[in-house]
Protein backbone atom coordinates (compact mmCIF):
# COMPACT_ATOMS: atom_id res chain seq x y z
CA MET A 1 -62.03 38.16 -7.19
CA PRO A 2 -65.31 36.94 -8.75
CA SER A 3 -65.31 35.73 -12.30
CA PRO A 4 -66.81 37.99 -14.92
CA PRO A 5 -69.98 36.95 -16.72
CA ALA A 6 -69.36 34.13 -19.15
CA ALA A 7 -68.90 34.95 -22.77
CA PRO A 8 -72.11 34.74 -24.76
CA ALA A 9 -72.84 31.50 -26.59
CA LEU A 10 -72.08 32.75 -30.05
CA PRO A 11 -72.96 30.79 -33.15
CA PRO A 12 -69.91 29.10 -34.71
CA ALA A 13 -70.04 31.42 -37.75
CA HIS A 14 -69.82 34.47 -35.45
CA VAL A 15 -66.85 32.97 -33.54
CA THR A 16 -65.09 32.35 -36.84
CA ALA A 17 -65.77 35.91 -38.01
CA VAL A 18 -64.55 37.47 -34.76
CA LEU A 19 -61.29 35.54 -34.71
CA ARG A 20 -60.61 36.12 -38.39
CA VAL A 21 -61.05 39.87 -38.00
CA LEU A 22 -58.68 39.97 -35.03
CA VAL A 23 -56.09 37.65 -36.65
CA LEU A 24 -55.98 39.58 -39.91
CA SER A 25 -55.79 42.94 -38.13
CA THR A 26 -52.96 41.64 -35.94
CA PHE A 27 -51.17 40.50 -39.07
CA VAL A 28 -51.31 44.02 -40.51
CA VAL A 29 -49.97 45.71 -37.40
CA LEU A 30 -47.22 43.13 -36.80
CA LEU A 31 -46.08 43.42 -40.44
CA ASN A 32 -45.28 47.05 -39.71
CA GLU A 33 -43.06 46.18 -36.74
CA THR A 34 -40.17 44.99 -38.99
CA ILE A 35 -40.94 46.93 -42.12
CA MET A 36 -38.44 49.68 -41.25
CA VAL A 37 -35.39 47.38 -41.21
CA ASN A 38 -34.18 48.12 -44.71
CA ALA A 39 -35.12 51.80 -44.70
CA ILE A 40 -32.44 53.05 -42.28
CA PRO A 41 -29.88 54.14 -44.97
CA ARG A 42 -32.57 56.13 -46.81
CA LEU A 43 -33.75 57.80 -43.60
CA MET A 44 -30.17 58.70 -42.62
CA HIS A 45 -29.79 60.46 -45.97
CA ASP A 46 -33.17 62.18 -46.15
CA PHE A 47 -33.27 63.43 -42.52
CA GLU A 48 -29.46 63.79 -42.08
CA VAL A 49 -29.40 61.66 -38.92
CA THR A 50 -26.94 59.11 -37.67
CA ALA A 51 -27.42 55.33 -37.80
CA THR A 52 -27.97 55.29 -34.03
CA ALA A 53 -30.76 57.90 -34.31
CA ALA A 54 -32.40 56.06 -37.21
CA GLY A 55 -32.26 52.82 -35.20
CA TRP A 56 -34.53 54.50 -32.66
CA LEU A 57 -37.43 53.98 -35.07
CA SER A 58 -37.30 50.31 -34.11
CA THR A 59 -36.20 50.80 -30.46
CA VAL A 60 -39.01 53.24 -29.71
CA PHE A 61 -41.57 50.81 -31.09
CA MET A 62 -40.39 48.09 -28.73
CA LEU A 63 -40.12 50.57 -25.86
CA THR A 64 -43.69 51.76 -26.31
CA MET A 65 -44.96 48.19 -26.46
CA ALA A 66 -43.23 47.47 -23.16
CA VAL A 67 -44.81 50.53 -21.50
CA VAL A 68 -48.38 50.00 -22.82
CA ILE A 69 -48.84 46.23 -22.57
CA PRO A 70 -48.81 46.03 -18.73
CA VAL A 71 -51.87 48.32 -18.68
CA THR A 72 -53.85 46.19 -21.14
CA GLY A 73 -54.82 43.63 -18.48
CA TRP A 74 -56.84 46.32 -16.73
CA PHE A 75 -57.96 48.02 -19.94
CA LEU A 76 -59.39 44.93 -21.63
CA GLN A 77 -61.57 44.18 -18.63
CA ARG A 78 -62.92 47.73 -18.50
CA VAL A 79 -63.92 48.26 -22.15
CA SER A 80 -65.89 46.22 -24.69
CA THR A 81 -64.25 44.17 -27.41
CA ARG A 82 -65.40 46.59 -30.11
CA SER A 83 -64.10 49.60 -28.15
CA ALA A 84 -60.67 47.98 -27.64
CA PHE A 85 -60.47 47.04 -31.31
CA GLY A 86 -61.61 50.45 -32.46
CA LEU A 87 -59.03 52.26 -30.27
CA ALA A 88 -56.18 49.96 -31.34
CA MET A 89 -56.94 50.41 -35.07
CA ALA A 90 -57.54 54.17 -34.70
CA LEU A 91 -54.14 54.61 -33.03
CA PHE A 92 -52.39 52.52 -35.67
CA LEU A 93 -54.14 54.36 -38.52
CA THR A 94 -53.25 57.72 -37.03
CA GLY A 95 -49.63 56.76 -36.51
CA THR A 96 -49.38 55.32 -40.05
CA ALA A 97 -50.86 58.43 -41.68
CA LEU A 98 -48.63 60.70 -39.57
CA ALA A 99 -45.54 58.67 -40.53
CA ALA A 100 -46.38 58.79 -44.24
CA ALA A 101 -46.57 62.61 -44.13
CA ALA A 102 -43.78 63.18 -41.59
CA PRO A 103 -41.89 66.38 -42.50
CA ALA A 104 -39.16 65.84 -39.89
CA PHE A 105 -37.49 62.92 -38.17
CA SER A 106 -39.01 63.83 -34.78
CA VAL A 107 -42.47 63.60 -36.27
CA LEU A 108 -41.70 60.17 -37.74
CA LEU A 109 -40.43 59.01 -34.36
CA ALA A 110 -43.61 60.23 -32.67
CA ALA A 111 -45.68 58.44 -35.32
CA ARG A 112 -43.93 55.16 -34.50
CA VAL A 113 -44.90 55.62 -30.86
CA VAL A 114 -48.57 56.01 -31.82
CA GLN A 115 -48.35 52.96 -34.09
CA ALA A 116 -46.80 50.88 -31.32
CA ALA A 117 -49.52 51.87 -28.83
CA GLY A 118 -52.14 50.44 -31.17
CA THR A 119 -50.14 47.31 -31.74
CA ALA A 120 -49.71 46.79 -27.97
CA VAL A 121 -53.48 46.55 -27.57
CA MET A 122 -54.07 44.17 -30.51
CA MET A 123 -51.96 41.22 -29.35
CA PRO A 124 -53.49 40.82 -25.82
CA LEU A 125 -56.98 41.46 -27.29
CA LEU A 126 -56.47 38.60 -29.78
CA MET A 127 -55.16 36.17 -27.16
CA THR A 128 -57.83 37.05 -24.58
CA THR A 129 -60.67 36.68 -27.07
CA LEU A 130 -59.29 33.37 -28.38
CA MET A 131 -59.02 31.91 -24.89
CA THR A 132 -62.55 33.09 -24.06
CA LEU A 133 -64.30 31.82 -27.16
CA VAL A 134 -62.53 28.57 -28.09
CA PRO A 135 -63.20 25.36 -26.11
CA VAL A 136 -60.15 23.75 -24.44
CA GLN A 137 -60.06 20.76 -26.75
CA ASP A 138 -59.74 22.93 -29.86
CA ARG A 139 -57.33 25.62 -28.61
CA GLY A 140 -54.21 23.97 -29.99
CA ARG A 141 -55.54 24.00 -33.54
CA VAL A 142 -56.79 27.59 -33.30
CA MET A 143 -53.60 28.81 -31.65
CA GLY A 144 -51.74 27.15 -34.53
CA ASN A 145 -53.62 29.36 -36.98
CA VAL A 146 -52.76 32.39 -34.88
CA THR A 147 -49.11 31.34 -34.84
CA LEU A 148 -49.16 31.25 -38.66
CA VAL A 149 -50.09 34.90 -38.77
CA ILE A 150 -47.85 36.26 -36.00
CA SER A 151 -44.86 34.33 -37.40
CA VAL A 152 -45.26 35.17 -41.06
CA ALA A 153 -45.92 38.90 -40.56
CA PRO A 154 -42.54 39.86 -38.97
CA ALA A 155 -40.71 37.62 -41.50
CA LEU A 156 -42.36 39.32 -44.42
CA GLY A 157 -41.57 42.84 -43.11
CA PRO A 158 -37.97 43.10 -44.40
CA ALA A 159 -38.83 41.55 -47.79
CA VAL A 160 -41.85 43.83 -48.29
CA SER A 161 -39.80 46.88 -47.36
CA GLY A 162 -37.06 45.77 -49.76
CA VAL A 163 -39.53 45.56 -52.63
CA LEU A 164 -41.25 48.89 -51.79
CA LEU A 165 -37.93 50.66 -51.46
CA GLN A 166 -37.01 49.44 -54.93
CA LEU A 167 -40.19 51.12 -56.26
CA GLY A 168 -39.82 54.49 -54.54
CA THR A 169 -39.42 56.53 -51.40
CA TRP A 170 -39.52 55.18 -47.86
CA ARG A 171 -42.95 56.83 -47.48
CA LEU A 172 -44.36 53.97 -49.56
CA LEU A 173 -43.78 51.74 -46.49
CA PHE A 174 -46.59 53.59 -44.78
CA LEU A 175 -48.75 54.54 -47.79
CA ALA A 176 -49.02 50.88 -48.77
CA VAL A 177 -50.11 49.85 -45.26
CA LEU A 178 -52.60 52.70 -44.82
CA PRO A 179 -55.45 51.51 -47.10
CA ILE A 180 -55.13 47.91 -45.90
CA THR A 181 -55.38 49.00 -42.28
CA ALA A 182 -58.34 51.25 -43.06
CA ALA A 183 -60.14 48.37 -44.76
CA MET A 184 -59.48 46.03 -41.84
CA ALA A 185 -60.76 48.65 -39.37
CA PHE A 186 -63.93 49.22 -41.45
CA PHE A 187 -64.79 45.54 -41.89
CA GLY A 188 -63.72 44.78 -38.34
CA MET A 189 -66.11 47.29 -36.78
CA ARG A 190 -68.93 45.84 -38.91
CA LYS A 191 -68.28 42.18 -38.10
CA LEU A 192 -66.92 42.29 -34.55
CA VAL A 193 -69.27 41.60 -31.62
CA ASN A 194 -68.63 42.24 -27.97
CA ILE A 195 -67.44 39.29 -25.85
CA GLY A 196 -68.50 39.36 -22.23
CA GLU A 197 -69.41 42.45 -20.21
CA PRO A 198 -66.94 45.24 -19.25
CA ARG A 199 -66.33 45.84 -15.58
CA ALA A 200 -65.81 49.35 -14.18
CA THR A 201 -62.67 48.54 -12.20
CA PRO A 202 -60.64 51.53 -10.92
CA ILE A 203 -57.09 52.11 -12.08
CA ASP A 204 -54.27 52.40 -9.60
CA TRP A 205 -52.29 55.32 -10.98
CA PRO A 206 -49.10 54.69 -8.92
CA SER A 207 -49.05 51.20 -10.48
CA ALA A 208 -49.52 52.63 -13.96
CA LEU A 209 -46.65 55.09 -13.42
CA LEU A 210 -44.40 52.38 -11.94
CA ALA A 211 -45.15 50.07 -14.88
CA ALA A 212 -44.42 52.77 -17.46
CA ALA A 213 -41.21 53.88 -15.77
CA GLY A 214 -40.03 50.43 -14.84
CA PHE A 215 -40.65 48.51 -18.07
CA GLY A 216 -39.63 51.53 -20.10
CA ALA A 217 -36.34 52.00 -18.33
CA LEU A 218 -35.65 48.29 -18.35
CA VAL A 219 -36.16 47.88 -22.13
CA TYR A 220 -34.36 51.18 -22.86
CA GLY A 221 -31.37 50.19 -20.73
CA LEU A 222 -31.12 46.71 -22.15
CA SER A 223 -31.35 48.10 -25.69
CA GLY A 224 -28.51 50.52 -24.94
CA LEU A 225 -26.20 47.86 -23.48
CA GLY A 226 -25.40 46.50 -26.92
CA ALA A 227 -25.12 49.86 -28.70
CA ALA A 228 -21.78 50.85 -30.13
CA ASP A 229 -21.88 54.28 -28.46
CA SER A 230 -23.08 53.07 -25.04
CA ALA A 231 -19.92 54.36 -23.33
CA ARG A 232 -20.79 57.93 -24.43
CA ALA A 233 -24.44 57.82 -23.25
CA PRO A 234 -25.37 60.60 -20.77
CA ILE A 235 -26.70 57.94 -18.38
CA PRO A 236 -24.92 54.58 -18.48
CA PRO A 237 -27.27 51.88 -19.88
CA LEU A 238 -26.33 49.56 -16.99
CA ALA A 239 -27.57 52.14 -14.47
CA THR A 240 -30.83 52.57 -16.48
CA THR A 241 -31.28 48.80 -16.61
CA LEU A 242 -30.77 48.39 -12.85
CA ALA A 243 -33.13 51.29 -12.12
CA GLY A 244 -35.71 49.78 -14.41
CA ALA A 245 -35.38 46.37 -12.71
CA ALA A 246 -35.82 47.98 -9.31
CA LEU A 247 -38.96 49.86 -10.44
CA VAL A 248 -40.41 46.65 -11.97
CA ALA A 249 -39.78 44.87 -8.64
CA LEU A 250 -41.55 47.71 -6.80
CA PHE A 251 -44.40 47.49 -9.33
CA GLY A 252 -44.72 43.75 -8.63
CA TRP A 253 -44.69 44.29 -4.88
CA ARG A 254 -47.51 46.84 -5.20
CA GLN A 255 -49.59 44.46 -7.32
CA VAL A 256 -49.29 41.74 -4.72
CA ALA A 257 -50.33 44.22 -2.00
CA LEU A 258 -53.33 45.42 -4.05
CA GLN A 259 -54.51 41.82 -4.55
CA ARG A 260 -55.38 41.68 -0.86
CA SER A 261 -57.66 44.79 -0.84
CA SER A 262 -58.60 45.89 -4.36
CA ALA A 263 -58.11 45.22 -8.05
CA PRO A 264 -54.41 45.35 -9.11
CA LEU A 265 -53.41 46.90 -12.43
CA LEU A 266 -51.77 43.60 -13.43
CA ASP A 267 -52.99 40.56 -11.52
CA LEU A 268 -49.87 38.54 -10.63
CA ARG A 269 -51.96 35.64 -9.36
CA THR A 270 -51.31 34.33 -12.86
CA LEU A 271 -47.83 33.40 -11.57
CA SER A 272 -49.34 31.15 -8.89
CA PHE A 273 -50.03 28.60 -11.68
CA ARG A 274 -47.02 26.33 -12.22
CA HIS A 275 -47.91 25.59 -15.86
CA PHE A 276 -48.01 29.30 -16.62
CA ARG A 277 -44.69 30.00 -14.88
CA VAL A 278 -42.88 27.27 -16.77
CA SER A 279 -44.41 28.36 -20.09
CA LEU A 280 -43.41 31.96 -19.38
CA ALA A 281 -39.80 30.98 -18.69
CA LEU A 282 -39.62 28.90 -21.88
CA VAL A 283 -41.16 31.66 -24.03
CA CYS A 284 -38.67 34.23 -22.65
CA LEU A 285 -35.61 32.06 -23.22
CA SER A 286 -36.75 31.08 -26.71
CA PHE A 287 -37.58 34.69 -27.54
CA MET A 288 -34.15 35.85 -26.40
CA ALA A 289 -32.46 33.26 -28.67
CA LEU A 290 -34.86 34.12 -31.54
CA MET A 291 -34.19 37.88 -31.35
CA GLY A 292 -30.46 37.29 -31.20
CA ALA A 293 -30.64 35.24 -34.40
CA PHE A 294 -32.96 37.78 -36.00
CA ILE A 295 -30.37 40.52 -35.38
CA LEU A 296 -27.27 38.53 -36.35
CA LEU A 297 -28.46 36.84 -39.55
CA PRO A 298 -29.06 40.00 -41.63
CA MET A 299 -25.80 41.43 -40.36
CA TYR A 300 -23.89 38.27 -41.28
CA LEU A 301 -25.50 37.93 -44.71
CA GLN A 302 -24.96 41.54 -45.73
CA GLU A 303 -21.65 42.48 -44.05
CA VAL A 304 -19.85 39.10 -44.22
CA ARG A 305 -21.41 37.40 -47.25
CA GLY A 306 -22.12 40.58 -49.24
CA LEU A 307 -25.83 40.04 -49.98
CA THR A 308 -28.10 43.03 -50.65
CA SER A 309 -30.85 43.96 -48.22
CA LEU A 310 -33.51 42.73 -50.65
CA HIS A 311 -31.76 39.37 -51.14
CA THR A 312 -31.32 39.04 -47.39
CA GLY A 313 -35.01 39.64 -46.81
CA LEU A 314 -36.01 37.12 -49.47
CA LEU A 315 -33.63 34.53 -48.03
CA LEU A 316 -35.18 34.86 -44.59
CA ILE A 317 -38.81 34.58 -45.77
CA PRO A 318 -38.86 30.72 -46.02
CA GLY A 319 -38.04 30.47 -42.30
CA GLY A 320 -40.94 32.67 -41.31
CA LEU A 321 -43.22 30.79 -43.69
CA ALA A 322 -42.04 27.48 -42.18
CA THR A 323 -43.02 28.61 -38.70
CA GLY A 324 -46.38 29.90 -39.91
CA LEU A 325 -47.30 26.98 -42.09
CA LEU A 326 -46.33 24.46 -39.43
CA GLY A 327 -48.39 26.33 -36.81
CA PRO A 328 -51.78 24.84 -37.61
CA GLN A 329 -50.33 21.34 -37.92
CA VAL A 330 -48.49 21.68 -34.60
CA GLY A 331 -51.72 22.96 -33.06
CA LYS A 332 -53.55 19.80 -34.19
CA LEU A 333 -50.73 17.65 -32.82
CA TYR A 334 -51.00 19.50 -29.48
CA ASP A 335 -54.71 18.72 -29.25
CA ARG A 336 -53.85 15.09 -29.84
CA PHE A 337 -50.58 14.50 -27.99
CA GLY A 338 -50.22 17.36 -25.57
CA ALA A 339 -47.29 19.75 -25.03
CA PRO A 340 -44.20 17.76 -23.85
CA ARG A 341 -43.94 15.52 -26.94
CA LEU A 342 -43.75 18.61 -29.13
CA VAL A 343 -41.92 21.16 -27.01
CA VAL A 344 -38.90 19.04 -26.08
CA PRO A 345 -37.99 18.01 -29.68
CA GLY A 346 -38.64 21.59 -30.80
CA ALA A 347 -36.32 23.05 -28.13
CA VAL A 348 -33.60 20.49 -28.94
CA THR A 349 -33.82 21.29 -32.67
CA THR A 350 -33.58 25.03 -31.92
CA ALA A 351 -30.51 24.61 -29.71
CA LEU A 352 -28.77 22.43 -32.31
CA CYS A 353 -29.39 24.89 -35.14
CA LEU A 354 -28.05 27.77 -33.08
CA ALA A 355 -24.92 25.71 -32.25
CA LEU A 356 -24.44 25.05 -35.98
CA PHE A 357 -24.88 28.75 -36.72
CA ALA A 358 -21.96 29.34 -34.38
CA LEU A 359 -19.71 27.64 -36.97
CA VAL A 360 -20.51 29.96 -39.93
CA GLY A 361 -17.67 31.80 -41.61
CA GLU A 362 -16.74 33.94 -44.60
CA GLN A 363 -17.16 31.06 -47.06
CA THR A 364 -20.36 29.50 -45.70
CA SER A 365 -22.92 29.00 -48.43
CA PRO A 366 -26.04 31.13 -48.17
CA TRP A 367 -27.98 27.99 -49.09
CA LEU A 368 -26.71 26.31 -45.96
CA VAL A 369 -27.74 29.37 -43.97
CA LEU A 370 -31.18 29.12 -45.55
CA ALA A 371 -31.52 25.44 -44.61
CA LEU A 372 -30.45 26.11 -41.04
CA HIS A 373 -32.81 29.04 -40.70
CA VAL A 374 -35.78 27.03 -41.96
CA THR A 375 -34.94 24.17 -39.55
CA LEU A 376 -34.51 26.68 -36.67
CA SER A 377 -37.91 28.22 -37.54
CA ALA A 378 -39.54 24.78 -37.64
CA GLY A 379 -38.13 23.96 -34.18
CA LEU A 380 -39.51 27.22 -32.81
CA ALA A 381 -42.95 26.34 -34.27
CA PHE A 382 -42.93 23.20 -32.13
CA VAL A 383 -42.16 25.36 -29.10
CA PHE A 384 -44.30 28.48 -29.35
CA THR A 385 -47.75 27.03 -30.30
CA PRO A 386 -47.88 24.40 -27.54
CA VAL A 387 -46.36 26.72 -24.93
CA PHE A 388 -48.74 29.61 -25.64
CA THR A 389 -51.73 27.23 -25.55
CA SER A 390 -50.78 25.24 -22.46
CA GLY A 391 -49.62 28.28 -20.52
CA LEU A 392 -52.77 30.35 -20.98
CA SER A 393 -55.21 27.37 -20.85
CA VAL A 394 -54.45 26.75 -17.17
CA LEU A 395 -55.65 30.22 -16.13
CA PRO A 396 -59.27 30.88 -15.04
CA PRO A 397 -61.23 33.10 -17.47
CA HIS A 398 -61.01 36.29 -15.40
CA LEU A 399 -57.18 36.07 -15.57
CA TYR A 400 -56.91 35.71 -19.35
CA PRO A 401 -56.34 39.47 -19.98
CA HIS A 402 -53.73 39.60 -17.21
CA GLY A 403 -51.97 36.45 -18.40
CA SER A 404 -51.77 37.84 -21.92
CA ALA A 405 -50.42 41.13 -20.58
CA VAL A 406 -47.76 39.41 -18.40
CA LEU A 407 -46.71 37.28 -21.36
CA GLY A 408 -46.54 40.30 -23.73
CA SER A 409 -44.63 42.46 -21.27
CA LEU A 410 -41.96 39.88 -20.58
CA GLN A 411 -41.66 39.09 -24.29
CA GLN A 412 -40.56 42.72 -24.85
CA VAL A 413 -38.10 42.56 -22.00
CA ALA A 414 -36.76 39.23 -23.33
CA ALA A 415 -36.41 40.68 -26.83
CA ALA A 416 -34.41 43.63 -25.53
CA ALA A 417 -32.29 41.42 -23.26
CA GLY A 418 -31.55 38.94 -26.03
CA THR A 419 -30.62 41.68 -28.49
CA ALA A 420 -28.40 43.47 -25.95
CA LEU A 421 -26.64 40.28 -24.87
CA VAL A 422 -25.91 39.03 -28.38
CA ILE A 423 -24.82 42.42 -29.75
CA SER A 424 -22.58 43.08 -26.76
CA VAL A 425 -20.80 39.72 -27.13
CA MET A 426 -20.62 40.05 -30.90
CA SER A 427 -19.15 43.56 -30.74
CA GLY A 428 -16.67 42.70 -28.02
CA ARG A 429 -15.34 39.61 -29.81
CA ALA A 430 -15.18 41.41 -33.14
CA ALA A 431 -13.12 44.22 -31.59
CA ALA A 432 -10.83 41.68 -29.93
CA ALA A 433 -10.31 39.89 -33.25
CA ALA A 434 -9.59 43.19 -35.02
CA ALA A 435 -7.05 44.10 -32.33
CA GLY A 436 -5.40 40.74 -32.94
CA GLY A 437 -4.80 41.59 -36.60
CA ALA A 438 -7.92 40.16 -38.29
CA GLY A 439 -9.47 42.04 -41.22
CA ALA A 440 -12.79 43.82 -40.82
CA THR A 441 -14.85 41.02 -42.44
CA GLU A 442 -12.98 38.27 -40.63
CA ALA A 443 -13.36 40.09 -37.28
CA LEU A 444 -17.08 40.54 -37.80
CA ALA A 445 -17.49 36.85 -38.73
CA ALA A 446 -15.75 35.93 -35.49
CA GLY A 447 -18.05 38.18 -33.51
CA VAL A 448 -21.11 36.71 -35.21
CA ARG A 449 -20.00 33.21 -34.34
CA TRP A 450 -19.69 34.14 -30.66
CA GLY A 451 -23.12 35.82 -30.80
CA PHE A 452 -24.68 32.64 -32.11
CA GLY A 453 -22.81 30.76 -29.41
CA VAL A 454 -24.66 32.81 -26.83
CA GLY A 455 -27.88 31.91 -28.59
CA ALA A 456 -26.92 28.24 -28.39
CA VAL A 457 -26.42 28.52 -24.61
CA LEU A 458 -29.83 30.11 -24.30
CA GLY A 459 -31.17 27.25 -26.42
CA VAL A 460 -29.69 24.66 -24.04
CA LEU A 461 -31.33 26.46 -21.10
CA ALA A 462 -34.63 26.37 -23.00
CA VAL A 463 -34.26 22.59 -23.40
CA LEU A 464 -33.85 22.19 -19.65
CA VAL A 465 -37.00 24.26 -19.02
CA ALA A 466 -38.89 22.37 -21.76
CA LEU A 467 -38.38 19.16 -19.78
CA LEU A 468 -40.64 20.69 -17.10
CA VAL A 469 -43.54 21.45 -19.46
CA ARG A 470 -46.72 19.51 -18.85
CA THR A 471 -50.09 19.53 -20.59
CA PRO A 472 -52.70 21.11 -18.28
CA PRO A 473 -55.48 18.72 -17.25
CA ALA A 474 -58.62 19.24 -19.33
CA PRO A 475 -61.52 20.54 -17.27
CA PRO A 476 -64.61 18.34 -16.90
CA PRO A 477 -67.23 19.07 -19.56
CA ALA A 478 -70.08 19.77 -17.17
CA PRO A 479 -70.97 23.43 -16.65
CA GLY A 480 -70.01 24.82 -13.29
CA ALA A 481 -66.94 22.57 -12.97
CA LYS A 482 -64.01 23.86 -10.96
CA ASP A 483 -60.50 24.35 -12.23
CA GLU A 484 -57.30 23.61 -10.24
CA ASN A 485 -57.70 26.84 -8.19
CA GLY A 486 -61.37 26.24 -7.50
CA THR A 487 -62.58 28.83 -10.02
CA ALA A 488 -65.68 28.27 -12.12
CA ALA A 489 -64.53 27.27 -15.60
CA ASP A 490 -67.58 27.34 -17.85
CA ALA A 491 -66.36 27.18 -21.43
CA ALA A 492 -67.83 29.65 -23.86
CA ALA A 493 -69.50 28.07 -26.79
CA GLY A 494 -67.77 28.61 -30.10
CA ALA A 495 -66.18 26.93 -33.02
CA PRO A 496 -62.50 27.04 -33.96
CA VAL A 497 -61.33 28.70 -37.13
């Protein structure tokens, strides 16, 4: 496949403006991903739905992301940067406005689907543009700034929702986001410039259908495995998970076949790069452990330690801030020292913190939990920034959109798998403890410890993979130089932000 035309040599000020617009817009949409966490009791009361039904407001968001992201590799090559940004923000604005005015629960659920579709486009767009514009020697520092935003936004979601719910109805969660999103869309369309030239590549509709059905069924099935009412589901979650895995395998087989004759929907030649494969495995394992901790900590703090939802959200903010604030510094260290010296200590710290979380009980101080969470978040900062940078840097420019899409798709699968695994173990051990005569709080604490134990095992596996991480060799500075696969690797001019 020939490489697309090189990105234009933009002035440094334009590069800075483009990346700031995309980073701030991504912050807004990612903030919304976790903003519903504290609203479930209100929604259950207002719409007269069960906790399981209300939980679908989060599940359907993740499900939609898993369905849409595989298509973004093709989509981002076909349309201009401004068109992709405009569509993403238009979808998110429409979904937010619809959610704010939702007269029924079904409308609110549909609004979350529309919101998630816009979010699914923003993340690959940001990563692809960053990799295209920023020279190799500065990518660590710039990726660190991106990590700040994408780490702080989900951490702020529960706290922001807690404050807004204290002030009024759950509709404020969307009404507060609406003007901010509109402002970002307006200024973004004024400042954003197109990067590169779109290519009119055809879409393979069987691949699109296989991706939607496969990734959708896989995430849906994995999400249902940990649900309390999974035994009463019309279709067993395990059967849905296996069917989804089979469809994803069929999707992968078709992409490999299409690579020989035409343009695949998702170019899996990204997986031929060892650096990318190792980075992908480490991101997935770390994300599984992270999502498990993200689910267990609020449950432990509220149900075992008796904290309110607002206090829980505030207690978890410092961890998100730690990851975000360390991101730029870790990025600078990556540019100087490379990936292994950062990733291995980060993975070891993460595994140790998860192991210590497995010792929490009914009398554990929330301050100790806070300290462990901040240390865990710091460890993850030393993993994610170098791994994202080194993994994507090894790809030739024409594979950046596909690499971002592969990474985003498997992140959603890893999130669902980590959540299902941890919740299933936690629920099973809590039920066993209750059957053995333990009280409700004591049984739940036992289940939480086992859940964190699973996270610690995932952390140990991540350490083993981290030992395989290497810093990709920097390409020669001369224009027209070849990368490790023999592809032209002219770096686009630009300045980091």
